[in-house]
Amino acid sequence: MTTTAVQVREAATVDLPTSAEAAFGFMEDPASLVVLDDSIELGVTLPGPKGVGEIQAFVDRTPSGRTGMMHEVVEVEPGRRAVTRNLTVGCPSGGVLTVVPLGPDSCRLTQEFWAELPAGTLVGTDAEVRHEYRTLLADLMRRLAAWAAHAPGDAA
């Protein structure tokens, strides 16, 4: 068991052949996760505020059945940056999305995942979470590149 909290942070970046507005719009829509993750069946925004305070809900298929996930948007710079926190796991965790224009039809997208593992966590859990984040991010970057290559014009 760990005696102190351990923070895990992993990020990945991809340059996309689409505008920053299109990329950000695609990523901020929870329904897009169905395209980016084969295990996600549904992604929706719950009724309530748009932007800060927005709650996004997802249905995930796992080997043991369906599970639900919810994220809250805690910061947003429209078209540029969004920060979420996970509402359905036992430790503080979340993500940071940043999109920077490189030109009118290209952008650089960075996705970061983080978790704060509390003291008393099994030794090695941080390495497992880090590996899971790296795997998720590599697949996400690949899928985003494929989406952007086939996105018609500036469509999100």
N, C-alpha and C. Protein backbone atom coordinates (compact mmCIF):
# COMPACT_ATOMS: atom_id res chain seq x y z
N MET A 1 0.83 -1.18 0.00
CA MET A 1 0.00 0.00 0.00
C MET A 1 0.88 1.25 0.00
N THR A 2 0.40 2.27 -0.73
CA THR A 2 1.14 3.53 -0.75
C THR A 2 0.87 4.31 0.53
N THR A 3 1.82 5.12 0.93
CA THR A 3 1.66 5.93 2.14
C THR A 3 1.28 7.37 1.82
N THR A 4 1.41 7.76 0.56
CA THR A 4 1.03 9.10 0.13
C THR A 4 0.21 9.00 -1.15
N ALA A 5 -0.50 10.07 -1.47
CA ALA A 5 -1.25 10.13 -2.72
C ALA A 5 -0.28 10.15 -3.90
N VAL A 6 -0.71 9.58 -5.00
CA VAL A 6 0.10 9.54 -6.22
C VAL A 6 -0.74 10.10 -7.36
N GLN A 7 -0.19 11.07 -8.07
CA GLN A 7 -0.89 11.63 -9.21
C GLN A 7 -0.36 10.98 -10.49
N VAL A 8 -1.29 10.57 -11.34
CA VAL A 8 -0.94 10.01 -12.65
C VAL A 8 -1.47 10.99 -13.70
N ARG A 9 -0.61 11.40 -14.62
CA ARG A 9 -1.00 12.29 -15.72
C ARG A 9 -0.37 11.75 -17.00
N GLU A 10 -1.19 11.62 -18.01
CA GLU A 10 -0.70 11.21 -19.33
C GLU A 10 -1.39 12.06 -20.37
N ALA A 11 -0.66 12.45 -21.40
CA ALA A 11 -1.22 13.27 -22.48
C ALA A 11 -0.69 12.80 -23.81
N ALA A 12 -1.46 13.06 -24.85
CA ALA A 12 -1.03 12.77 -26.22
C ALA A 12 -1.53 13.89 -27.12
N THR A 13 -0.79 14.11 -28.21
CA THR A 13 -1.08 15.20 -29.14
C THR A 13 -1.12 14.66 -30.55
N VAL A 14 -2.02 15.22 -31.35
CA VAL A 14 -2.10 14.87 -32.77
C VAL A 14 -2.40 16.14 -33.57
N ASP A 15 -1.75 16.27 -34.72
CA ASP A 15 -2.08 17.35 -35.65
C ASP A 15 -3.15 16.83 -36.59
N LEU A 16 -4.21 17.61 -36.77
CA LEU A 16 -5.35 17.17 -37.57
C LEU A 16 -5.58 18.09 -38.76
N PRO A 17 -5.96 17.50 -39.91
CA PRO A 17 -6.25 18.30 -41.10
C PRO A 17 -7.69 18.82 -41.11
N THR A 18 -8.05 19.51 -40.05
CA THR A 18 -9.37 20.12 -39.94
C THR A 18 -9.24 21.36 -39.05
N SER A 19 -10.21 22.23 -39.12
CA SER A 19 -10.12 23.46 -38.34
C SER A 19 -10.21 23.16 -36.84
N ALA A 20 -9.67 24.07 -36.06
CA ALA A 20 -9.75 23.94 -34.60
C ALA A 20 -11.21 23.94 -34.16
N GLU A 21 -12.04 24.76 -34.80
CA GLU A 21 -13.46 24.82 -34.44
C GLU A 21 -14.14 23.49 -34.66
N ALA A 22 -13.86 22.83 -35.79
CA ALA A 22 -14.48 21.53 -36.08
C ALA A 22 -14.00 20.47 -35.09
N ALA A 23 -12.70 20.46 -34.81
CA ALA A 23 -12.15 19.47 -33.89
C ALA A 23 -12.71 19.66 -32.49
N PHE A 24 -12.75 20.90 -32.01
CA PHE A 24 -13.27 21.16 -30.68
C PHE A 24 -14.76 20.81 -30.61
N GLY A 25 -15.51 21.20 -31.63
CA GLY A 25 -16.94 20.89 -31.66
C GLY A 25 -17.20 19.40 -31.63
N PHE A 26 -16.41 18.64 -32.37
CA PHE A 26 -16.55 17.19 -32.37
C PHE A 26 -16.25 16.63 -30.99
N MET A 27 -15.16 17.07 -30.37
CA MET A 27 -14.74 16.53 -29.08
C MET A 27 -15.66 16.95 -27.94
N GLU A 28 -16.28 18.13 -28.00
CA GLU A 28 -17.13 18.55 -26.89
C GLU A 28 -18.50 17.86 -26.92
N ASP A 29 -18.86 17.24 -28.04
CA ASP A 29 -20.13 16.53 -28.14
C ASP A 29 -19.97 15.11 -27.59
N PRO A 30 -20.64 14.77 -26.49
CA PRO A 30 -20.46 13.43 -25.92
C PRO A 30 -20.87 12.31 -26.87
N ALA A 31 -21.74 12.58 -27.85
CA ALA A 31 -22.13 11.55 -28.82
C ALA A 31 -20.94 11.12 -29.67
N SER A 32 -19.93 11.96 -29.81
CA SER A 32 -18.75 11.63 -30.62
C SER A 32 -17.95 10.48 -30.02
N LEU A 33 -18.09 10.23 -28.73
CA LEU A 33 -17.32 9.15 -28.12
C LEU A 33 -17.71 7.80 -28.69
N VAL A 34 -18.92 7.68 -29.24
CA VAL A 34 -19.34 6.44 -29.90
C VAL A 34 -18.42 6.15 -31.09
N VAL A 35 -17.96 7.19 -31.78
CA VAL A 35 -17.06 7.05 -32.92
C VAL A 35 -15.63 6.75 -32.46
N LEU A 36 -15.28 7.25 -31.29
CA LEU A 36 -13.89 7.18 -30.82
C LEU A 36 -13.59 5.99 -29.92
N ASP A 37 -14.62 5.30 -29.43
CA ASP A 37 -14.41 4.19 -28.51
C ASP A 37 -15.46 3.12 -28.79
N ASP A 38 -15.01 1.94 -29.22
CA ASP A 38 -15.93 0.86 -29.60
C ASP A 38 -16.80 0.36 -28.46
N SER A 39 -16.39 0.57 -27.22
CA SER A 39 -17.18 0.07 -26.10
C SER A 39 -18.29 1.03 -25.67
N ILE A 40 -18.28 2.25 -26.19
CA ILE A 40 -19.30 3.23 -25.80
C ILE A 40 -20.52 3.06 -26.70
N GLU A 41 -21.68 2.85 -26.07
CA GLU A 41 -22.94 2.71 -26.80
C GLU A 41 -23.69 4.03 -26.94
N LEU A 42 -23.48 4.93 -25.98
CA LEU A 42 -24.26 6.16 -25.95
C LEU A 42 -23.49 7.24 -25.22
N GLY A 43 -23.54 8.44 -25.74
CA GLY A 43 -22.98 9.61 -25.07
C GLY A 43 -23.96 10.76 -25.22
N VAL A 44 -24.41 11.33 -24.10
CA VAL A 44 -25.42 12.39 -24.13
C VAL A 44 -25.07 13.48 -23.11
N THR A 45 -25.64 14.65 -23.32
CA THR A 45 -25.57 15.72 -22.34
C THR A 45 -26.87 15.70 -21.57
N LEU A 46 -26.77 15.68 -20.25
CA LEU A 46 -27.98 15.69 -19.43
C LEU A 46 -28.60 17.09 -19.45
N PRO A 47 -29.92 17.19 -19.22
CA PRO A 47 -30.54 18.51 -19.16
C PRO A 47 -29.85 19.38 -18.11
N GLY A 48 -29.66 20.63 -18.43
CA GLY A 48 -29.00 21.54 -17.50
C GLY A 48 -28.13 22.52 -18.27
N PRO A 49 -27.17 23.10 -17.58
CA PRO A 49 -26.34 24.12 -18.22
C PRO A 49 -25.46 23.55 -19.33
N LYS A 50 -25.13 24.39 -20.28
CA LYS A 50 -24.16 24.06 -21.33
C LYS A 50 -22.86 24.74 -20.94
N GLY A 51 -21.74 24.05 -21.15
CA GLY A 51 -20.46 24.61 -20.74
C GLY A 51 -20.16 24.22 -19.31
N VAL A 52 -19.66 25.17 -18.51
CA VAL A 52 -19.33 24.88 -17.11
C VAL A 52 -20.59 24.40 -16.39
N GLY A 53 -20.46 23.27 -15.71
CA GLY A 53 -21.59 22.66 -15.01
C GLY A 53 -22.32 21.61 -15.82
N GLU A 54 -22.02 21.52 -17.11
CA GLU A 54 -22.64 20.52 -17.98
C GLU A 54 -22.25 19.12 -17.50
N ILE A 55 -23.23 18.21 -17.50
CA ILE A 55 -22.98 16.82 -17.14
C ILE A 55 -23.14 15.97 -18.40
N GLN A 56 -22.11 15.22 -18.71
CA GLN A 56 -22.13 14.30 -19.85
C GLN A 56 -22.22 12.88 -19.31
N ALA A 57 -23.12 12.08 -19.87
CA ALA A 57 -23.33 10.71 -19.43
C ALA A 57 -23.03 9.75 -20.58
N PHE A 58 -22.44 8.60 -20.22
CA PHE A 58 -22.03 7.61 -21.21
C PHE A 58 -22.45 6.22 -20.75
N VAL A 59 -22.82 5.37 -21.70
CA VAL A 59 -23.07 3.96 -21.42
C VAL A 59 -21.95 3.19 -22.09
N ASP A 60 -21.25 2.39 -21.28
CA ASP A 60 -20.07 1.64 -21.70
C ASP A 60 -20.38 0.15 -21.61
N ARG A 61 -20.07 -0.60 -22.67
CA ARG A 61 -20.19 -2.06 -22.65
C ARG A 61 -18.89 -2.64 -22.11
N THR A 62 -18.99 -3.45 -21.09
CA THR A 62 -17.81 -4.12 -20.54
C THR A 62 -18.05 -5.62 -20.60
N PRO A 63 -17.02 -6.42 -20.40
CA PRO A 63 -17.22 -7.88 -20.40
C PRO A 63 -18.25 -8.33 -19.36
N SER A 64 -18.42 -7.58 -18.29
CA SER A 64 -19.38 -7.98 -17.26
C SER A 64 -20.75 -7.31 -17.42
N GLY A 65 -20.94 -6.53 -18.47
CA GLY A 65 -22.21 -5.86 -18.71
C GLY A 65 -22.04 -4.37 -18.93
N ARG A 66 -23.14 -3.67 -18.96
CA ARG A 66 -23.09 -2.21 -19.17
C ARG A 66 -22.78 -1.48 -17.87
N THR A 67 -22.04 -0.38 -18.02
CA THR A 67 -21.77 0.50 -16.89
C THR A 67 -22.04 1.93 -17.33
N GLY A 68 -22.25 2.80 -16.37
CA GLY A 68 -22.47 4.20 -16.67
C GLY A 68 -21.30 5.04 -16.19
N MET A 69 -21.03 6.10 -16.92
CA MET A 69 -19.99 7.05 -16.54
C MET A 69 -20.59 8.45 -16.68
N MET A 70 -20.17 9.35 -15.82
CA MET A 70 -20.60 10.74 -15.94
C MET A 70 -19.41 11.65 -15.73
N HIS A 71 -19.33 12.68 -16.56
CA HIS A 71 -18.29 13.70 -16.45
C HIS A 71 -18.96 15.05 -16.28
N GLU A 72 -18.34 15.92 -15.49
CA GLU A 72 -18.81 17.29 -15.36
C GLU A 72 -17.78 18.21 -15.99
N VAL A 73 -18.25 19.16 -16.79
CA VAL A 73 -17.37 20.18 -17.36
C VAL A 73 -17.12 21.21 -16.26
N VAL A 74 -15.84 21.39 -15.89
CA VAL A 74 -15.52 22.31 -14.80
C VAL A 74 -14.85 23.60 -15.27
N GLU A 75 -14.29 23.59 -16.47
CA GLU A 75 -13.72 24.79 -17.08
C GLU A 75 -13.91 24.68 -18.58
N VAL A 76 -14.12 25.81 -19.24
CA VAL A 76 -14.18 25.80 -20.69
C VAL A 76 -13.75 27.15 -21.24
N GLU A 77 -12.89 27.11 -22.24
CA GLU A 77 -12.58 28.24 -23.09
C GLU A 77 -13.12 27.83 -24.46
N PRO A 78 -14.29 28.32 -24.85
CA PRO A 78 -14.93 27.82 -26.07
C PRO A 78 -13.98 27.76 -27.27
N GLY A 79 -14.00 26.61 -27.92
CA GLY A 79 -13.19 26.41 -29.10
C GLY A 79 -11.72 26.14 -28.84
N ARG A 80 -11.31 26.19 -27.57
CA ARG A 80 -9.88 26.10 -27.26
C ARG A 80 -9.54 25.05 -26.20
N ARG A 81 -10.28 25.06 -25.08
CA ARG A 81 -9.88 24.19 -23.96
C ARG A 81 -11.11 23.82 -23.13
N ALA A 82 -11.13 22.56 -22.68
CA ALA A 82 -12.19 22.10 -21.79
C ALA A 82 -11.58 21.16 -20.75
N VAL A 83 -12.04 21.31 -19.52
CA VAL A 83 -11.57 20.47 -18.41
C VAL A 83 -12.79 19.76 -17.84
N THR A 84 -12.66 18.45 -17.65
CA THR A 84 -13.75 17.67 -17.07
C THR A 84 -13.24 16.92 -15.84
N ARG A 85 -14.21 16.57 -14.99
CA ARG A 85 -13.88 15.68 -13.88
C ARG A 85 -14.86 14.52 -13.92
N ASN A 86 -14.36 13.36 -13.58
CA ASN A 86 -15.17 12.15 -13.58
C ASN A 86 -15.99 12.12 -12.30
N LEU A 87 -17.28 11.88 -12.44
CA LEU A 87 -18.18 11.84 -11.28
C LEU A 87 -18.46 10.43 -10.80
N THR A 88 -17.95 9.41 -11.49
CA THR A 88 -18.37 8.04 -11.20
C THR A 88 -17.26 7.09 -10.82
N VAL A 89 -16.10 7.60 -10.45
CA VAL A 89 -15.03 6.71 -9.98
C VAL A 89 -14.68 7.09 -8.54
N GLY A 90 -13.95 6.21 -7.88
CA GLY A 90 -13.66 6.38 -6.47
C GLY A 90 -12.60 7.40 -6.14
N CYS A 91 -11.80 7.81 -7.10
CA CYS A 91 -10.76 8.80 -6.82
C CYS A 91 -10.90 9.97 -7.78
N PRO A 92 -10.42 11.15 -7.40
CA PRO A 92 -10.49 12.30 -8.30
C PRO A 92 -9.77 11.99 -9.61
N SER A 93 -10.46 12.25 -10.72
CA SER A 93 -9.86 12.03 -12.04
C SER A 93 -10.59 12.88 -13.05
N GLY A 94 -9.99 13.02 -14.23
CA GLY A 94 -10.63 13.82 -15.26
C GLY A 94 -9.77 13.93 -16.49
N GLY A 95 -10.07 14.95 -17.27
CA GLY A 95 -9.36 15.15 -18.52
C GLY A 95 -9.25 16.62 -18.87
N VAL A 96 -8.28 16.92 -19.72
CA VAL A 96 -8.09 18.27 -20.23
C VAL A 96 -7.93 18.15 -21.75
N LEU A 97 -8.78 18.85 -22.48
CA LEU A 97 -8.72 18.90 -23.93
C LEU A 97 -8.24 20.28 -24.33
N THR A 98 -7.23 20.34 -25.19
CA THR A 98 -6.74 21.61 -25.71
C THR A 98 -6.65 21.50 -27.23
N VAL A 99 -7.18 22.51 -27.92
CA VAL A 99 -7.12 22.55 -29.38
C VAL A 99 -6.52 23.90 -29.79
N VAL A 100 -5.44 23.83 -30.57
CA VAL A 100 -4.74 25.04 -31.02
C VAL A 100 -4.77 25.09 -32.54
N PRO A 101 -5.26 26.19 -33.13
CA PRO A 101 -5.25 26.29 -34.59
C PRO A 101 -3.81 26.36 -35.11
N LEU A 102 -3.57 25.66 -36.20
CA LEU A 102 -2.28 25.75 -36.90
C LEU A 102 -2.43 26.51 -38.20
N GLY A 103 -3.66 26.65 -38.64
CA GLY A 103 -4.01 27.34 -39.87
C GLY A 103 -5.51 27.24 -40.01
N PRO A 104 -6.08 27.72 -41.12
CA PRO A 104 -7.54 27.69 -41.26
C PRO A 104 -8.10 26.27 -41.33
N ASP A 105 -7.32 25.33 -41.81
CA ASP A 105 -7.80 23.96 -41.97
C ASP A 105 -6.91 22.94 -41.28
N SER A 106 -6.29 23.34 -40.18
CA SER A 106 -5.48 22.40 -39.42
C SER A 106 -5.38 22.85 -37.97
N CYS A 107 -5.16 21.88 -37.10
CA CYS A 107 -5.06 22.20 -35.68
C CYS A 107 -4.24 21.13 -34.97
N ARG A 108 -3.83 21.46 -33.77
CA ARG A 108 -3.13 20.51 -32.90
C ARG A 108 -4.03 20.26 -31.70
N LEU A 109 -4.39 18.99 -31.50
CA LEU A 109 -5.27 18.60 -30.41
C LEU A 109 -4.46 17.83 -29.38
N THR A 110 -4.60 18.20 -28.11
CA THR A 110 -3.95 17.49 -27.02
C THR A 110 -5.03 17.05 -26.04
N GLN A 111 -4.99 15.77 -25.70
CA GLN A 111 -5.90 15.23 -24.68
C GLN A 111 -5.05 14.72 -23.53
N GLU A 112 -5.42 15.14 -22.34
CA GLU A 112 -4.74 14.67 -21.13
C GLU A 112 -5.75 13.97 -20.24
N PHE A 113 -5.33 12.88 -19.61
CA PHE A 113 -6.12 12.21 -18.58
C PHE A 113 -5.31 12.26 -17.29
N TRP A 114 -5.98 12.39 -16.17
CA TRP A 114 -5.29 12.42 -14.89
C TRP A 114 -6.12 11.72 -13.82
N ALA A 115 -5.43 11.23 -12.81
CA ALA A 115 -6.08 10.63 -11.65
C ALA A 115 -5.23 10.90 -10.42
N GLU A 116 -5.88 11.12 -9.31
CA GLU A 116 -5.21 11.31 -8.03
C GLU A 116 -5.50 10.06 -7.20
N LEU A 117 -4.52 9.17 -7.12
CA LEU A 117 -4.69 7.92 -6.37
C LEU A 117 -4.39 8.19 -4.90
N PRO A 118 -5.32 7.88 -4.02
CA PRO A 118 -5.13 8.23 -2.61
C PRO A 118 -4.09 7.35 -1.92
N ALA A 119 -3.58 7.83 -0.80
CA ALA A 119 -2.72 7.00 0.04
C ALA A 119 -3.51 5.75 0.40
N GLY A 120 -2.81 4.63 0.47
CA GLY A 120 -3.47 3.36 0.75
C GLY A 120 -3.81 2.57 -0.50
N THR A 121 -3.47 3.12 -1.68
CA THR A 121 -3.67 2.41 -2.94
C THR A 121 -2.61 1.33 -3.05
N LEU A 122 -2.97 0.22 -3.66
CA LEU A 122 -2.00 -0.86 -3.87
C LEU A 122 -0.80 -0.35 -4.67
N VAL A 123 0.38 -0.72 -4.24
CA VAL A 123 1.60 -0.37 -4.97
C VAL A 123 1.49 -0.97 -6.37
N GLY A 124 1.84 -0.18 -7.37
CA GLY A 124 1.77 -0.62 -8.76
C GLY A 124 0.50 -0.18 -9.48
N THR A 125 -0.49 0.28 -8.72
CA THR A 125 -1.73 0.75 -9.35
C THR A 125 -1.44 1.93 -10.26
N ASP A 126 -0.53 2.81 -9.86
CA ASP A 126 -0.19 3.96 -10.69
C ASP A 126 0.35 3.51 -12.04
N ALA A 127 1.17 2.47 -12.07
CA ALA A 127 1.70 1.96 -13.34
C ALA A 127 0.59 1.38 -14.20
N GLU A 128 -0.38 0.70 -13.58
CA GLU A 128 -1.51 0.15 -14.32
C GLU A 128 -2.36 1.27 -14.92
N VAL A 129 -2.64 2.30 -14.13
CA VAL A 129 -3.44 3.43 -14.62
C VAL A 129 -2.69 4.15 -15.73
N ARG A 130 -1.40 4.37 -15.54
CA ARG A 130 -0.58 5.02 -16.57
C ARG A 130 -0.63 4.23 -17.88
N HIS A 131 -0.49 2.91 -17.79
CA HIS A 131 -0.55 2.05 -18.98
C HIS A 131 -1.93 2.15 -19.65
N GLU A 132 -2.99 2.12 -18.84
CA GLU A 132 -4.34 2.23 -19.38
C GLU A 132 -4.53 3.57 -20.09
N TYR A 133 -4.07 4.66 -19.47
CA TYR A 133 -4.19 5.98 -20.09
C TYR A 133 -3.40 6.04 -21.39
N ARG A 134 -2.18 5.52 -21.40
CA ARG A 134 -1.38 5.54 -22.63
C ARG A 134 -2.05 4.76 -23.74
N THR A 135 -2.62 3.61 -23.41
CA THR A 135 -3.32 2.80 -24.41
C THR A 135 -4.53 3.54 -24.95
N LEU A 136 -5.33 4.11 -24.04
CA LEU A 136 -6.51 4.88 -24.46
C LEU A 136 -6.13 6.06 -25.34
N LEU A 137 -5.08 6.78 -24.94
CA LEU A 137 -4.66 7.95 -25.70
C LEU A 137 -4.13 7.59 -27.08
N ALA A 138 -3.36 6.51 -27.18
CA ALA A 138 -2.84 6.09 -28.49
C ALA A 138 -4.00 5.75 -29.43
N ASP A 139 -4.99 5.03 -28.92
CA ASP A 139 -6.14 4.67 -29.74
C ASP A 139 -6.94 5.92 -30.09
N LEU A 140 -7.12 6.83 -29.14
CA LEU A 140 -7.85 8.07 -29.40
C LEU A 140 -7.17 8.90 -30.48
N MET A 141 -5.86 9.04 -30.43
CA MET A 141 -5.14 9.83 -31.43
C MET A 141 -5.30 9.20 -32.82
N ARG A 142 -5.22 7.88 -32.89
CA ARG A 142 -5.39 7.17 -34.16
C ARG A 142 -6.79 7.41 -34.72
N ARG A 143 -7.79 7.28 -33.86
CA ARG A 143 -9.18 7.45 -34.30
C ARG A 143 -9.49 8.90 -34.68
N LEU A 144 -8.92 9.84 -33.96
CA LEU A 144 -9.11 11.26 -34.32
C LEU A 144 -8.50 11.57 -35.67
N ALA A 145 -7.31 11.03 -35.94
CA ALA A 145 -6.68 11.24 -37.24
C ALA A 145 -7.56 10.66 -38.35
N ALA A 146 -8.12 9.48 -38.12
CA ALA A 146 -9.00 8.86 -39.12
C ALA A 146 -10.27 9.69 -39.31
N TRP A 147 -10.86 10.18 -38.19
CA TRP A 147 -12.05 11.01 -38.30
C TRP A 147 -11.75 12.27 -39.11
N ALA A 148 -10.67 12.96 -38.78
CA ALA A 148 -10.34 14.23 -39.43
C ALA A 148 -10.05 14.03 -40.91
N ALA A 149 -9.43 12.90 -41.26
CA ALA A 149 -9.12 12.64 -42.67
C ALA A 149 -10.38 12.44 -43.50
N HIS A 150 -11.47 12.03 -42.84
CA HIS A 150 -12.72 11.77 -43.56
C HIS A 150 -13.81 12.78 -43.26
N ALA A 151 -13.51 13.75 -42.39
CA ALA A 151 -14.51 14.78 -42.06
C ALA A 151 -14.72 15.66 -43.29
N PRO A 152 -15.97 15.79 -43.75
CA PRO A 152 -16.22 16.64 -44.92
C PRO A 152 -16.05 18.12 -44.58
N GLY A 153 -15.06 18.72 -45.16
CA GLY A 153 -14.82 20.15 -44.95
C GLY A 153 -14.63 20.46 -43.48
N ASP A 154 -15.47 21.33 -42.97
CA ASP A 154 -15.37 21.78 -41.58
C ASP A 154 -16.45 21.14 -40.71
N ALA A 155 -17.03 20.03 -41.13
CA ALA A 155 -18.13 19.42 -40.38
C ALA A 155 -17.61 18.78 -39.11
N ALA A 156 -18.37 18.97 -38.06
CA ALA A 156 -18.03 18.34 -36.78
C ALA A 156 -18.88 17.13 -36.56
